[in-house]
Every structure is written in structure tokens, then in C-alpha cells.
């Protein structure tokens, strides 16, 4: 249990202070940095989902246009 507590303390001291360090380095408020990370996360996830929907739509249109016909008389 003590090893877990030491590990937790290590991450709290050095890992969770990233936004504070970035805000201090850039000279802006901590709230602005945190909101920027949150917005960037939503944009990244949203872009992936939108790209997936675009590809699904494109493949559906391609399948409707290019239909494999078995003979000349199916035109």
C-alpha cells in the first residue's frame, strides 16, 4: 500500500502539474489552458467521427453508381 501511495504522490507532484507549467510558461491563465485541452479533445474525436461518416457516405454513393452487371442486357 505504501508503494501505491508513493506512486500516486509522484504522479500528483510531477504529472498533474502539466497545465500549470504550460500556463506559467506562456503567461496565460490556467483555466484557458485546461479549456483548450478539452476543446482540442472534442475536436479530435469529432473529426474522426465525421471522417468515418464521410467515408461511409462515399462508399454508399460509389456502390450505387458502380453496380456490377452480369450481362449487356442489364443496362
Protein backbone atom coordinates (compact mmCIF):
# COMPACT_ATOMS: atom_id res chain seq x y z
CA UNK A 1 0.00 0.00 0.00
CA UNK A 2 2.89 2.33 0.70
CA UNK A 3 4.33 1.77 -2.80
CA UNK A 4 0.99 2.70 -4.35
CA UNK A 5 0.80 5.84 -2.22
CA UNK A 6 4.34 6.81 -3.25
CA UNK A 7 3.49 6.25 -6.91
CA UNK A 8 0.33 8.32 -6.56
CA UNK A 9 2.27 11.11 -4.87
CA UNK A 10 4.86 11.04 -7.66
CA UNK A 11 2.22 11.46 -10.36
CA UNK A 12 0.43 14.17 -8.42
CA UNK A 13 3.63 16.12 -7.96
CA UNK A 14 5.14 15.77 -11.43
CA UNK A 15 2.40 14.59 -13.78
CA UNK A 16 -0.74 16.53 -12.95
CA UNK A 17 1.05 19.86 -12.92
CA UNK A 18 1.45 19.96 -16.70
CA UNK A 19 -1.29 22.51 -17.38
CA UNK A 20 0.03 24.76 -14.63
CA UNK A 21 3.54 24.65 -16.08
CA UNK A 22 2.28 25.43 -19.58
CA UNK A 23 0.20 28.33 -18.27
CA UNK A 24 3.16 29.72 -16.33
CA UNK A 25 5.48 29.38 -19.31
CA UNK A 26 3.06 31.10 -21.71
CA UNK A 27 1.87 33.67 -19.19
CA UNK A 28 -1.83 32.86 -19.50
CA UNK A 29 -4.46 31.66 -17.05
CA UNK A 30 -4.67 28.01 -16.05
CA UNK A 31 -8.38 27.88 -16.91
CA UNK A 32 -7.62 28.85 -20.51
CA UNK A 33 -5.09 26.04 -20.90
CA UNK A 34 -7.45 23.44 -19.44
CA UNK A 35 -10.33 24.55 -21.66
CA UNK A 36 -8.04 24.45 -24.68
CA UNK A 37 -7.16 20.82 -23.94
CA UNK A 38 -10.83 19.94 -23.50
CA UNK A 39 -11.84 21.65 -26.76
CA UNK A 40 -8.94 20.04 -28.61
CA UNK A 41 -10.07 16.62 -27.38
CA UNK A 42 -13.63 17.18 -28.63
CA UNK A 43 -12.38 18.46 -31.99
CA UNK A 44 -10.09 15.46 -32.42
CA UNK A 45 -12.80 12.93 -31.59
CA UNK A 46 -15.38 14.82 -33.66
CA UNK A 47 -13.07 14.94 -36.67
CA UNK A 48 -12.55 11.17 -36.56
CA UNK A 49 -16.28 10.52 -36.35
CA UNK A 50 -17.02 12.99 -39.17
CA UNK A 51 -14.34 11.37 -41.33
CA UNK A 52 -15.90 7.95 -40.68
CA UNK A 53 -19.35 9.21 -41.71
CA UNK A 54 -17.90 10.84 -44.84
CA UNK A 55 -16.23 7.58 -45.90
CA UNK A 56 -19.39 5.58 -45.23
CA UNK A 57 -21.41 8.04 -47.32
CA UNK A 58 -18.82 7.99 -50.12
CA UNK A 59 -18.76 4.18 -50.26
CA UNK A 60 -22.55 4.09 -50.36
CA UNK A 61 -22.64 6.51 -53.29
CA UNK A 62 -19.89 4.55 -55.06
CA UNK A 63 -21.87 1.33 -54.67
CA UNK A 64 -24.98 2.99 -56.10
CA UNK A 65 -23.13 4.34 -59.13
CA UNK A 66 -20.87 1.42 -59.95
CA UNK A 67 -23.18 -1.58 -59.95
CA UNK A 68 -21.74 -4.84 -61.24
CA UNK A 69 -23.91 -6.06 -64.06
CA UNK A 70 -23.91 -9.64 -65.17
CA UNK A 71 -24.61 -9.07 -68.85
CA UNK A 72 -25.03 -6.40 -71.51
CA UNK A 73 -28.82 -6.72 -71.38
CA UNK A 74 -28.96 -5.46 -67.77
CA UNK A 75 -28.32 -1.89 -68.90
